[in-house]
């Protein structure tokens, strides 16, 4: 039986950039499939009344230093983009559109590299996403129609709502079965779970009491 790792991500999440790369060797080690789920982190932040850039400046500076340590540790060409944060819903919908053509993961790799490696914020807009779709063999006009369609918009809402129902509160978040792992620094735990799965959880509604 092929193992599955579910991956909730958002393009605007620094840690999702690292997770995109770090989950690969874990999946390869176990012959597991990584199933991506675009997750509208901006919507969730607004829902939770959380504003990232209003955190204490000393914390924001420390986070940036820490991110550069991660980039050095794993030899990744990460850099903070000039435009941050930015709206990511077009890119999230773009990934769902590319799912129709079996090119979702490649599309994700391209947009993450553009934004977090080349300081290219054009991937926050459809105009900047269309050339990427074309480079992956998808007609630009067809791609744009899908991205702007009610079908794809509703699917992104459903993906995000389903994530919230499962207890996802940030990105990146991974699931192996019912076990949830939050953050780019949970790869060892995911590895452990794939090696020795936790016992299935019993839903409260399925339990019975003997009187």
N, C-alpha and C. Protein backbone atom coordinates (compact mmCIF):
# COMPACT_ATOMS: atom_id res chain seq x y z
N UNK A 1 0.84 -1.20 0.00
CA UNK A 1 0.00 0.00 0.00
C UNK A 1 0.88 1.25 0.00
N UNK A 2 0.64 2.16 -0.93
CA UNK A 2 1.42 3.38 -1.04
C UNK A 2 1.02 4.34 0.07
N UNK A 3 2.02 4.86 0.77
CA UNK A 3 1.77 5.81 1.85
C UNK A 3 1.53 7.20 1.28
N UNK A 4 0.79 8.01 2.05
CA UNK A 4 0.42 9.35 1.59
C UNK A 4 0.77 10.39 2.64
N UNK A 5 1.33 11.49 2.16
CA UNK A 5 1.59 12.66 2.99
C UNK A 5 0.77 13.81 2.42
N UNK A 6 -0.14 14.36 3.19
CA UNK A 6 -0.91 15.52 2.74
C UNK A 6 -0.18 16.80 3.17
N UNK A 7 -0.13 17.75 2.28
CA UNK A 7 0.68 18.96 2.47
C UNK A 7 -0.17 20.20 2.22
N UNK A 8 -0.50 20.91 3.30
CA UNK A 8 -1.23 22.18 3.20
C UNK A 8 -0.22 23.32 3.12
N UNK A 9 -0.35 24.14 2.09
CA UNK A 9 0.66 25.16 1.81
C UNK A 9 0.03 26.47 1.36
N UNK A 10 0.81 27.53 1.47
CA UNK A 10 0.44 28.83 0.90
C UNK A 10 1.71 29.47 0.35
N UNK A 11 1.63 30.05 -0.81
CA UNK A 11 2.80 30.67 -1.43
C UNK A 11 3.40 31.77 -0.56
N UNK A 12 2.58 32.46 0.21
CA UNK A 12 3.05 33.56 1.05
C UNK A 12 3.71 33.11 2.33
N UNK A 13 3.79 31.82 2.56
CA UNK A 13 4.38 31.27 3.78
C UNK A 13 5.85 30.95 3.56
N UNK A 14 6.73 31.64 4.29
CA UNK A 14 8.16 31.35 4.19
C UNK A 14 8.43 29.88 4.48
N UNK A 15 7.78 29.37 5.50
CA UNK A 15 8.04 28.00 5.92
C UNK A 15 7.51 26.97 4.92
N UNK A 16 6.50 27.35 4.15
CA UNK A 16 6.02 26.45 3.09
C UNK A 16 7.09 26.28 2.01
N UNK A 17 7.86 27.35 1.76
CA UNK A 17 8.96 27.24 0.78
C UNK A 17 9.93 26.15 1.22
N UNK A 18 10.35 26.20 2.47
CA UNK A 18 11.29 25.19 2.94
C UNK A 18 10.66 23.80 2.97
N UNK A 19 9.41 23.74 3.41
CA UNK A 19 8.73 22.46 3.51
C UNK A 19 8.60 21.79 2.15
N UNK A 20 8.38 22.58 1.11
CA UNK A 20 8.27 22.04 -0.25
C UNK A 20 9.51 21.23 -0.61
N UNK A 21 10.67 21.71 -0.18
CA UNK A 21 11.92 21.02 -0.47
C UNK A 21 12.22 19.90 0.53
N UNK A 22 11.96 20.15 1.79
CA UNK A 22 12.37 19.21 2.83
C UNK A 22 11.51 17.96 2.89
N UNK A 23 10.26 18.04 2.39
CA UNK A 23 9.40 16.86 2.44
C UNK A 23 9.80 15.84 1.38
N UNK A 24 10.49 16.27 0.34
CA UNK A 24 10.80 15.37 -0.78
C UNK A 24 11.64 14.16 -0.35
N UNK A 25 12.77 14.37 0.33
CA UNK A 25 13.56 13.19 0.71
C UNK A 25 12.84 12.26 1.68
N UNK A 26 11.96 12.82 2.51
CA UNK A 26 11.18 11.98 3.42
C UNK A 26 10.22 11.11 2.62
N UNK A 27 9.54 11.72 1.65
CA UNK A 27 8.62 10.96 0.81
C UNK A 27 9.36 9.90 0.00
N UNK A 28 10.51 10.27 -0.54
CA UNK A 28 11.29 9.31 -1.35
C UNK A 28 11.76 8.13 -0.51
N UNK A 29 12.18 8.40 0.71
CA UNK A 29 12.64 7.33 1.60
C UNK A 29 11.58 6.27 1.81
N UNK A 30 10.31 6.71 1.90
CA UNK A 30 9.23 5.79 2.21
C UNK A 30 8.39 5.41 0.99
N UNK A 31 8.78 5.92 -0.18
CA UNK A 31 7.98 5.65 -1.37
C UNK A 31 6.58 6.22 -1.25
N UNK A 32 6.47 7.36 -0.57
CA UNK A 32 5.16 7.96 -0.29
C UNK A 32 4.79 9.00 -1.34
N UNK A 33 3.50 9.16 -1.55
CA UNK A 33 2.98 10.24 -2.40
C UNK A 33 2.73 11.48 -1.55
N UNK A 34 3.11 12.64 -2.06
CA UNK A 34 2.79 13.91 -1.40
C UNK A 34 1.60 14.52 -2.13
N UNK A 35 0.51 14.71 -1.40
CA UNK A 35 -0.72 15.27 -1.96
C UNK A 35 -0.84 16.72 -1.50
N UNK A 36 -0.66 17.68 -2.40
CA UNK A 36 -0.71 19.09 -1.98
C UNK A 36 -2.14 19.60 -1.85
N UNK A 37 -2.32 20.50 -0.88
CA UNK A 37 -3.59 21.18 -0.67
C UNK A 37 -3.33 22.67 -0.53
N UNK A 38 -3.70 23.49 -1.52
CA UNK A 38 -3.57 24.93 -1.35
C UNK A 38 -4.46 25.41 -0.20
N UNK A 39 -3.92 26.30 0.61
CA UNK A 39 -4.57 26.72 1.86
C UNK A 39 -4.48 28.24 1.93
N UNK A 40 -5.62 28.90 1.94
CA UNK A 40 -5.64 30.37 1.89
C UNK A 40 -5.32 30.96 3.25
N UNK A 41 -4.02 31.09 3.50
CA UNK A 41 -3.55 31.55 4.80
C UNK A 41 -3.99 32.99 5.09
N UNK A 42 -4.03 33.82 4.06
CA UNK A 42 -4.48 35.20 4.25
C UNK A 42 -5.90 35.25 4.78
N UNK A 43 -6.76 34.43 4.21
CA UNK A 43 -8.15 34.36 4.68
C UNK A 43 -8.20 33.91 6.14
N UNK A 44 -7.41 32.91 6.47
CA UNK A 44 -7.39 32.39 7.84
C UNK A 44 -6.87 33.44 8.81
N UNK A 45 -5.81 34.15 8.42
CA UNK A 45 -5.29 35.22 9.27
C UNK A 45 -6.35 36.29 9.53
N UNK A 46 -7.07 36.67 8.48
CA UNK A 46 -8.12 37.68 8.67
C UNK A 46 -9.21 37.15 9.58
N UNK A 47 -9.56 35.90 9.41
CA UNK A 47 -10.58 35.28 10.24
C UNK A 47 -10.16 35.26 11.71
N UNK A 48 -8.85 35.12 11.93
CA UNK A 48 -8.32 35.05 13.29
C UNK A 48 -7.84 36.41 13.80
N UNK A 49 -8.04 37.46 12.98
CA UNK A 49 -7.61 38.82 13.34
C UNK A 49 -6.11 38.88 13.64
N UNK A 50 -5.34 38.13 12.85
CA UNK A 50 -3.90 38.09 13.04
C UNK A 50 -3.22 38.84 11.90
N UNK A 51 -2.30 39.76 12.25
CA UNK A 51 -1.55 40.52 11.26
C UNK A 51 -0.07 40.27 11.48
N UNK A 52 0.55 39.55 10.58
CA UNK A 52 1.94 39.14 10.72
C UNK A 52 2.87 40.32 10.96
N UNK A 53 2.75 41.36 10.15
CA UNK A 53 3.70 42.46 10.21
C UNK A 53 3.49 43.37 11.41
N UNK A 54 2.48 43.09 12.22
CA UNK A 54 2.27 43.86 13.45
C UNK A 54 2.91 43.18 14.65
N UNK A 55 3.62 42.07 14.41
CA UNK A 55 4.35 41.43 15.49
C UNK A 55 5.53 42.33 15.89
N UNK A 56 6.07 42.15 17.11
CA UNK A 56 7.20 42.98 17.54
C UNK A 56 8.35 42.94 16.54
N UNK A 57 8.93 44.10 16.27
CA UNK A 57 10.01 44.17 15.27
C UNK A 57 11.18 43.26 15.62
N UNK A 58 11.48 43.11 16.90
CA UNK A 58 12.59 42.25 17.29
C UNK A 58 12.30 40.80 16.92
N UNK A 59 11.03 40.40 17.00
CA UNK A 59 10.66 39.05 16.61
C UNK A 59 10.76 38.86 15.11
N UNK A 60 10.34 39.86 14.33
CA UNK A 60 10.42 39.79 12.88
C UNK A 60 11.88 39.71 12.43
N UNK A 61 12.76 40.49 13.09
CA UNK A 61 14.18 40.43 12.73
C UNK A 61 14.77 39.06 13.04
N UNK A 62 14.40 38.53 14.20
CA UNK A 62 14.92 37.21 14.58
C UNK A 62 14.42 36.13 13.63
N UNK A 63 13.18 36.26 13.17
CA UNK A 63 12.64 35.28 12.24
C UNK A 63 13.42 35.30 10.93
N UNK A 64 13.75 36.49 10.45
CA UNK A 64 14.50 36.59 9.20
C UNK A 64 15.87 35.95 9.33
N UNK A 65 16.55 36.22 10.44
CA UNK A 65 17.86 35.61 10.68
C UNK A 65 17.74 34.09 10.69
N UNK A 66 16.70 33.60 11.35
CA UNK A 66 16.50 32.16 11.45
C UNK A 66 16.24 31.54 10.09
N UNK A 67 15.47 32.22 9.26
CA UNK A 67 15.19 31.72 7.92
C UNK A 67 16.48 31.59 7.10
N UNK A 68 17.37 32.57 7.24
CA UNK A 68 18.62 32.51 6.50
C UNK A 68 19.50 31.36 7.01
N UNK A 69 19.39 31.04 8.28
CA UNK A 69 20.11 29.87 8.80
C UNK A 69 19.60 28.59 8.16
N UNK A 70 18.29 28.51 8.01
CA UNK A 70 17.70 27.34 7.36
C UNK A 70 18.17 27.25 5.90
N UNK A 71 18.19 28.39 5.22
CA UNK A 71 18.63 28.40 3.82
C UNK A 71 20.07 27.91 3.70
N UNK A 72 20.93 28.38 4.61
CA UNK A 72 22.33 27.95 4.59
C UNK A 72 22.45 26.47 4.93
N UNK A 73 21.69 26.04 5.94
CA UNK A 73 21.77 24.65 6.40
C UNK A 73 21.42 23.67 5.28
N UNK A 74 20.42 24.01 4.47
CA UNK A 74 19.95 23.10 3.43
C UNK A 74 20.36 23.54 2.02
N UNK A 75 21.24 24.54 1.95
CA UNK A 75 21.79 24.99 0.67
C UNK A 75 20.68 25.35 -0.32
N UNK A 76 19.75 26.19 0.14
CA UNK A 76 18.64 26.63 -0.69
C UNK A 76 18.80 28.13 -0.98
N UNK A 77 18.52 28.56 -2.22
CA UNK A 77 18.72 29.95 -2.62
C UNK A 77 17.59 30.88 -2.16
N UNK A 78 17.18 30.74 -0.93
CA UNK A 78 16.09 31.54 -0.37
C UNK A 78 16.53 32.98 -0.13
N UNK A 79 15.61 33.92 -0.38
CA UNK A 79 15.84 35.31 0.00
C UNK A 79 14.48 35.96 0.23
N UNK A 80 14.46 36.92 1.15
CA UNK A 80 13.20 37.60 1.42
C UNK A 80 12.85 38.51 0.26
N UNK A 81 11.64 38.39 -0.28
CA UNK A 81 11.24 39.24 -1.41
C UNK A 81 10.97 40.67 -0.96
N UNK A 82 11.09 41.58 -1.91
CA UNK A 82 10.84 42.99 -1.62
C UNK A 82 9.39 43.22 -1.25
N UNK A 83 8.48 42.58 -1.98
CA UNK A 83 7.06 42.73 -1.71
C UNK A 83 6.60 41.59 -0.82
N UNK A 84 6.43 41.89 0.47
CA UNK A 84 5.99 40.89 1.43
C UNK A 84 5.25 41.59 2.56
N UNK A 85 4.07 41.06 2.93
CA UNK A 85 3.36 39.94 2.30
C UNK A 85 2.66 40.37 1.02
N UNK A 86 2.07 39.41 0.34
CA UNK A 86 1.31 39.72 -0.87
C UNK A 86 0.09 38.80 -0.95
N UNK A 87 -0.84 39.17 -1.82
CA UNK A 87 -2.04 38.36 -2.03
C UNK A 87 -1.65 37.10 -2.81
N UNK A 88 -2.09 35.95 -2.31
CA UNK A 88 -1.68 34.69 -2.94
C UNK A 88 -2.82 33.87 -3.53
N UNK A 89 -4.05 34.33 -3.38
CA UNK A 89 -5.17 33.52 -3.85
C UNK A 89 -5.11 33.21 -5.35
N UNK A 90 -4.66 34.13 -6.23
CA UNK A 90 -4.54 33.74 -7.65
C UNK A 90 -3.59 32.56 -7.85
N UNK A 91 -2.46 32.54 -7.11
CA UNK A 91 -1.51 31.45 -7.24
C UNK A 91 -2.09 30.15 -6.70
N UNK A 92 -2.84 30.23 -5.62
CA UNK A 92 -3.48 29.04 -5.05
C UNK A 92 -4.50 28.47 -6.02
N UNK A 93 -5.28 29.36 -6.63
CA UNK A 93 -6.25 28.90 -7.63
C UNK A 93 -5.53 28.35 -8.85
N UNK A 94 -4.37 28.97 -9.17
CA UNK A 94 -3.59 28.49 -10.30
C UNK A 94 -3.14 27.05 -10.09
N UNK A 95 -2.76 26.73 -8.88
CA UNK A 95 -2.34 25.35 -8.59
C UNK A 95 -3.49 24.38 -8.78
N UNK A 96 -4.68 24.79 -8.36
CA UNK A 96 -5.86 23.94 -8.55
C UNK A 96 -6.17 23.77 -10.03
N UNK A 97 -5.99 24.84 -10.79
CA UNK A 97 -6.20 24.73 -12.24
C UNK A 97 -5.20 23.75 -12.85
N UNK A 98 -3.95 23.83 -12.42
CA UNK A 98 -2.92 22.95 -12.98
C UNK A 98 -3.11 21.50 -12.53
N UNK A 99 -3.84 21.31 -11.46
CA UNK A 99 -4.16 19.95 -11.02
C UNK A 99 -4.94 19.23 -12.12
N UNK A 100 -5.76 19.97 -12.88
CA UNK A 100 -6.54 19.37 -13.96
C UNK A 100 -5.66 18.77 -15.04
N UNK A 101 -4.43 19.27 -15.13
CA UNK A 101 -3.52 18.82 -16.18
C UNK A 101 -2.39 17.94 -15.64
N UNK A 102 -2.48 17.59 -14.37
CA UNK A 102 -1.45 16.76 -13.77
C UNK A 102 -0.12 17.47 -13.58
N UNK A 103 -0.14 18.81 -13.49
CA UNK A 103 1.10 19.57 -13.37
C UNK A 103 1.12 20.45 -12.12
N UNK A 104 0.36 20.07 -11.13
CA UNK A 104 0.23 20.90 -9.92
C UNK A 104 1.56 21.06 -9.20
N UNK A 105 2.26 19.95 -8.97
CA UNK A 105 3.50 20.03 -8.19
C UNK A 105 4.57 20.86 -8.92
N UNK A 106 4.71 20.64 -10.23
CA UNK A 106 5.68 21.43 -11.00
C UNK A 106 5.35 22.91 -10.95
N UNK A 107 4.06 23.22 -11.04
CA UNK A 107 3.62 24.61 -10.96
C UNK A 107 4.00 25.21 -9.61
N UNK A 108 3.78 24.45 -8.54
CA UNK A 108 4.15 24.91 -7.20
C UNK A 108 5.65 25.20 -7.13
N UNK A 109 6.44 24.31 -7.64
CA UNK A 109 7.90 24.51 -7.60
C UNK A 109 8.30 25.79 -8.33
N UNK A 110 7.65 26.05 -9.46
CA UNK A 110 7.99 27.24 -10.23
C UNK A 110 7.59 28.52 -9.50
N UNK A 111 6.40 28.56 -8.93
CA UNK A 111 5.98 29.81 -8.28
C UNK A 111 6.74 30.06 -6.99
N UNK A 112 7.07 29.01 -6.25
CA UNK A 112 7.85 29.19 -5.03
C UNK A 112 9.26 29.69 -5.38
N UNK A 113 9.85 29.13 -6.42
CA UNK A 113 11.18 29.57 -6.84
C UNK A 113 11.15 31.03 -7.31
N UNK A 114 10.11 31.39 -8.03
CA UNK A 114 10.01 32.77 -8.52
C UNK A 114 9.94 33.76 -7.37
N UNK A 115 9.09 33.47 -6.41
CA UNK A 115 8.85 34.45 -5.34
C UNK A 115 9.96 34.44 -4.29
N UNK A 116 10.35 33.25 -3.84
CA UNK A 116 11.27 33.14 -2.70
C UNK A 116 12.74 33.02 -3.09
N UNK A 117 13.02 32.91 -4.38
CA UNK A 117 14.41 32.82 -4.81
C UNK A 117 14.79 33.96 -5.75
N UNK A 118 13.83 34.41 -6.58
CA UNK A 118 14.16 35.43 -7.58
C UNK A 118 13.47 36.77 -7.33
N UNK A 119 12.79 36.91 -6.19
CA UNK A 119 12.14 38.17 -5.83
C UNK A 119 11.13 38.60 -6.91
N UNK A 120 10.43 37.63 -7.46
CA UNK A 120 9.47 37.89 -8.54
C UNK A 120 8.05 37.82 -7.98
N UNK A 121 7.51 38.97 -7.63
CA UNK A 121 6.17 39.02 -7.05
C UNK A 121 5.08 38.99 -8.11
N UNK A 122 5.45 38.89 -9.38
CA UNK A 122 4.43 38.83 -10.43
C UNK A 122 3.58 37.57 -10.30
N UNK A 123 4.08 36.56 -9.59
CA UNK A 123 3.31 35.33 -9.41
C UNK A 123 2.13 35.52 -8.46
N UNK A 124 1.99 36.73 -7.94
CA UNK A 124 0.80 37.05 -7.16
C UNK A 124 -0.37 37.47 -8.03
N UNK A 125 -0.13 37.57 -9.32
CA UNK A 125 -1.17 37.99 -10.27
C UNK A 125 -1.26 36.98 -11.41
N UNK A 126 -2.44 36.90 -12.00
CA UNK A 126 -2.65 35.96 -13.10
C UNK A 126 -1.70 36.22 -14.25
N UNK A 127 -1.42 37.50 -14.53
CA UNK A 127 -0.52 37.83 -15.64
C UNK A 127 0.86 37.21 -15.45
N UNK A 128 1.31 37.11 -14.21
CA UNK A 128 2.60 36.52 -13.94
C UNK A 128 2.57 35.00 -13.88
N UNK A 129 1.39 34.45 -13.70
CA UNK A 129 1.24 33.00 -13.59
C UNK A 129 1.06 32.34 -14.96
N UNK A 130 0.50 33.08 -15.90
CA UNK A 130 0.20 32.50 -17.21
C UNK A 130 1.45 31.98 -17.95
N UNK A 131 2.57 32.71 -17.94
CA UNK A 131 3.76 32.18 -18.61
C UNK A 131 4.26 30.88 -17.97
N UNK A 132 4.08 30.74 -16.66
CA UNK A 132 4.50 29.51 -15.99
C UNK A 132 3.64 28.35 -16.46
N UNK A 133 2.33 28.58 -16.54
CA UNK A 133 1.42 27.54 -17.03
C UNK A 133 1.79 27.16 -18.46
N UNK A 134 2.08 28.16 -19.28
CA UNK A 134 2.44 27.90 -20.67
C UNK A 134 3.72 27.08 -20.76
N UNK A 135 4.68 27.41 -19.89
CA UNK A 135 5.93 26.67 -19.88
C UNK A 135 5.75 25.21 -19.48
N UNK A 136 4.64 24.93 -18.83
CA UNK A 136 4.34 23.55 -18.43
C UNK A 136 3.36 22.89 -19.40
N UNK A 137 3.14 23.54 -20.54
CA UNK A 137 2.36 22.92 -21.60
C UNK A 137 0.87 23.18 -21.55
N UNK A 138 0.45 24.20 -20.78
CA UNK A 138 -0.98 24.50 -20.67
C UNK A 138 -1.27 25.83 -21.36
N UNK A 139 -2.29 25.84 -22.19
CA UNK A 139 -2.68 27.06 -22.91
C UNK A 139 -3.00 28.18 -21.93
N UNK A 140 -2.43 29.35 -22.16
CA UNK A 140 -2.58 30.46 -21.22
C UNK A 140 -4.03 30.90 -21.07
N UNK A 141 -4.75 30.98 -22.16
CA UNK A 141 -6.14 31.42 -22.09
C UNK A 141 -7.00 30.41 -21.33
N UNK A 142 -6.77 29.14 -21.60
CA UNK A 142 -7.50 28.09 -20.89
C UNK A 142 -7.17 28.14 -19.40
N UNK A 143 -5.90 28.36 -19.09
CA UNK A 143 -5.47 28.47 -17.69
C UNK A 143 -6.19 29.63 -17.01
N UNK A 144 -6.20 30.78 -17.64
CA UNK A 144 -6.83 31.96 -17.04
C UNK A 144 -8.33 31.74 -16.81
N UNK A 145 -9.00 31.12 -17.78
CA UNK A 145 -10.44 30.86 -17.61
C UNK A 145 -10.69 29.97 -16.40
N UNK A 146 -9.85 28.96 -16.25
CA UNK A 146 -10.02 28.07 -15.10
C UNK A 146 -9.76 28.79 -13.79
N UNK A 147 -8.68 29.56 -13.73
CA UNK A 147 -8.32 30.26 -12.50
C UNK A 147 -9.43 31.21 -12.06
N UNK A 148 -10.07 31.84 -13.03
CA UNK A 148 -11.12 32.82 -12.73
C UNK A 148 -12.51 32.19 -12.60
N UNK A 149 -12.61 30.90 -12.82
CA UNK A 149 -13.92 30.25 -12.82
C UNK A 149 -14.47 30.08 -11.41
N UNK A 150 -15.79 30.04 -11.31
CA UNK A 150 -16.44 29.79 -10.03
C UNK A 150 -16.06 28.41 -9.49
N UNK A 151 -15.86 27.47 -10.39
CA UNK A 151 -15.50 26.11 -9.99
C UNK A 151 -14.21 26.10 -9.18
N UNK A 152 -13.18 26.77 -9.68
CA UNK A 152 -11.89 26.79 -9.00
C UNK A 152 -11.96 27.65 -7.75
N UNK A 153 -12.66 28.77 -7.82
CA UNK A 153 -12.81 29.62 -6.63
C UNK A 153 -13.48 28.84 -5.50
N UNK A 154 -14.54 28.11 -5.84
CA UNK A 154 -15.25 27.33 -4.83
C UNK A 154 -14.37 26.20 -4.29
N UNK A 155 -13.53 25.64 -5.16
CA UNK A 155 -12.66 24.56 -4.73
C UNK A 155 -11.63 25.05 -3.72
N UNK A 156 -11.10 26.26 -3.93
CA UNK A 156 -10.15 26.81 -2.97
C UNK A 156 -10.83 27.05 -1.62
N UNK A 157 -12.04 27.55 -1.66
CA UNK A 157 -12.79 27.74 -0.41
C UNK A 157 -12.99 26.41 0.30
N UNK A 158 -13.34 25.38 -0.48
CA UNK A 158 -13.58 24.06 0.10
C UNK A 158 -12.30 23.48 0.69
N UNK A 159 -11.17 23.65 -0.02
CA UNK A 159 -9.88 23.15 0.48
C UNK A 159 -9.55 23.82 1.82
N UNK A 160 -9.75 25.13 1.87
CA UNK A 160 -9.41 25.88 3.09
C UNK A 160 -10.36 25.54 4.22
N UNK A 161 -11.65 25.47 3.93
CA UNK A 161 -12.63 25.13 4.97
C UNK A 161 -12.40 23.73 5.51
N UNK A 162 -12.08 22.80 4.62
CA UNK A 162 -11.82 21.43 5.04
C UNK A 162 -10.59 21.38 5.95
N UNK A 163 -9.59 22.19 5.60
CA UNK A 163 -8.39 22.26 6.44
C UNK A 163 -8.73 22.77 7.84
N UNK A 164 -9.54 23.80 7.91
CA UNK A 164 -9.93 24.35 9.20
C UNK A 164 -10.70 23.31 10.02
N UNK A 165 -11.54 22.55 9.34
CA UNK A 165 -12.29 21.48 10.03
C UNK A 165 -11.34 20.44 10.61
N UNK A 166 -10.22 20.22 9.94
CA UNK A 166 -9.25 19.22 10.39
C UNK A 166 -8.31 19.77 11.47
N UNK A 167 -8.44 21.05 11.77
CA UNK A 167 -7.60 21.64 12.81
C UNK A 167 -6.38 22.36 12.30
N UNK A 168 -6.29 22.55 10.98
CA UNK A 168 -5.14 23.27 10.41
C UNK A 168 -5.27 24.75 10.75
N UNK A 169 -4.20 25.33 11.30
CA UNK A 169 -4.24 26.74 11.68
C UNK A 169 -3.12 27.55 11.06
N UNK A 170 -2.24 26.88 10.32
CA UNK A 170 -1.14 27.58 9.68
C UNK A 170 -0.51 26.72 8.60
N UNK A 171 0.44 27.32 7.89
CA UNK A 171 1.13 26.60 6.81
C UNK A 171 2.64 26.71 7.03
N UNK A 172 3.33 25.62 6.75
CA UNK A 172 2.84 24.34 6.22
C UNK A 172 2.30 23.44 7.31
N UNK A 173 1.33 22.64 6.93
CA UNK A 173 0.81 21.59 7.80
C UNK A 173 0.76 20.30 7.00
N UNK A 174 1.17 19.21 7.65
CA UNK A 174 1.17 17.90 7.01
C UNK A 174 0.25 16.95 7.77
N UNK A 175 -0.32 16.01 7.04
CA UNK A 175 -1.06 14.91 7.66
C UNK A 175 -0.50 13.60 7.12
N UNK A 176 -0.30 12.67 8.03
CA UNK A 176 -0.07 11.27 7.67
C UNK A 176 -1.19 10.52 8.36
N UNK A 177 -2.19 10.11 7.59
CA UNK A 177 -3.40 9.56 8.19
C UNK A 177 -4.09 10.66 8.99
N UNK A 178 -4.38 10.38 10.26
CA UNK A 178 -5.03 11.37 11.12
C UNK A 178 -4.04 12.21 11.90
N UNK A 179 -2.75 11.89 11.79
CA UNK A 179 -1.73 12.61 12.56
C UNK A 179 -1.34 13.90 11.86
N UNK A 180 -1.44 15.02 12.58
CA UNK A 180 -1.12 16.32 12.01
C UNK A 180 0.25 16.79 12.49
N UNK A 181 1.00 17.40 11.55
CA UNK A 181 2.33 17.92 11.85
C UNK A 181 2.43 19.32 11.29
N UNK A 182 2.70 20.29 12.16
CA UNK A 182 2.75 21.69 11.73
C UNK A 182 4.18 22.20 11.71
N UNK A 183 4.57 22.80 10.58
CA UNK A 183 5.85 23.45 10.50
C UNK A 183 6.87 22.73 9.64
N UNK A 184 7.86 23.48 9.20
CA UNK A 184 8.93 22.93 8.36
C UNK A 184 9.90 22.08 9.16
N UNK A 185 9.85 22.18 10.47
CA UNK A 185 10.79 21.47 11.33
C UNK A 185 10.20 20.19 11.93
N UNK A 186 9.23 19.60 11.24
CA UNK A 186 8.59 18.39 11.74
C UNK A 186 8.90 17.16 10.89
N UNK A 187 9.93 17.27 10.06
CA UNK A 187 10.22 16.19 9.12
C UNK A 187 10.60 14.89 9.84
N UNK A 188 11.33 14.98 10.94
CA UNK A 188 11.71 13.77 11.67
C UNK A 188 10.48 13.07 12.23
N UNK A 189 9.51 13.85 12.69
CA UNK A 189 8.29 13.25 13.22
C UNK A 189 7.46 12.59 12.11
N UNK A 190 7.44 13.23 10.94
CA UNK A 190 6.74 12.64 9.80
C UNK A 190 7.43 11.35 9.39
N UNK A 191 8.75 11.37 9.39
CA UNK A 191 9.53 10.17 9.09
C UNK A 191 9.18 9.05 10.07
N UNK A 192 9.12 9.39 11.36
CA UNK A 192 8.77 8.39 12.37
C UNK A 192 7.36 7.83 12.15
N UNK A 193 6.43 8.70 11.79
CA UNK A 193 5.05 8.26 11.60
C UNK A 193 4.94 7.33 10.40
N UNK A 194 5.68 7.64 9.35
CA UNK A 194 5.66 6.78 8.17
C UNK A 194 6.33 5.43 8.46
N UNK A 195 7.31 5.45 9.36
CA UNK A 195 8.00 4.23 9.73
C UNK A 195 7.16 3.34 10.63
N UNK A 196 6.52 3.97 11.60
CA UNK A 196 5.71 3.24 12.58
C UNK A 196 4.43 4.02 12.86
N UNK A 197 3.39 3.80 12.08
CA UNK A 197 2.16 4.57 12.19
C UNK A 197 1.52 4.47 13.57
N UNK A 198 0.94 5.58 14.00
CA UNK A 198 0.20 5.59 15.26
C UNK A 198 -1.05 4.73 15.12
N UNK A 199 -1.52 4.24 16.24
CA UNK A 199 -2.76 3.47 16.23
C UNK A 199 -3.90 4.37 15.77
N UNK A 200 -4.84 3.83 14.99
CA UNK A 200 -5.98 4.64 14.53
C UNK A 200 -6.73 5.24 15.71
N UNK A 201 -7.13 6.49 15.53
CA UNK A 201 -7.87 7.16 16.58
C UNK A 201 -9.34 6.74 16.54
N UNK A 202 -9.94 6.61 17.69
CA UNK A 202 -11.36 6.26 17.78
C UNK A 202 -12.15 7.53 17.96
N UNK A 203 -13.06 7.77 17.04
CA UNK A 203 -13.90 8.96 17.15
C UNK A 203 -14.81 8.85 18.37
N UNK A 204 -15.03 10.00 19.01
CA UNK A 204 -15.84 10.02 20.21
C UNK A 204 -17.22 9.43 19.97
N UNK A 205 -17.77 9.70 18.76
CA UNK A 205 -19.12 9.20 18.46
C UNK A 205 -19.16 7.69 18.31
N UNK A 206 -17.96 7.06 18.15
CA UNK A 206 -17.93 5.62 17.94
C UNK A 206 -17.69 4.85 19.24
N UNK A 207 -17.38 5.58 20.31
CA UNK A 207 -17.11 4.91 21.57
C UNK A 207 -18.42 4.50 22.22
N UNK A 208 -18.35 3.47 23.05
CA UNK A 208 -19.54 3.04 23.76
C UNK A 208 -19.21 2.89 25.23
N UNK A 209 -20.22 3.01 26.05
CA UNK A 209 -20.03 2.92 27.50
C UNK A 209 -20.89 1.80 28.04
N UNK A 210 -20.27 0.96 28.84
CA UNK A 210 -21.03 -0.14 29.46
C UNK A 210 -21.45 0.31 30.86
N UNK A 211 -22.73 0.21 31.13
CA UNK A 211 -23.24 0.62 32.45
C UNK A 211 -23.57 -0.61 33.27
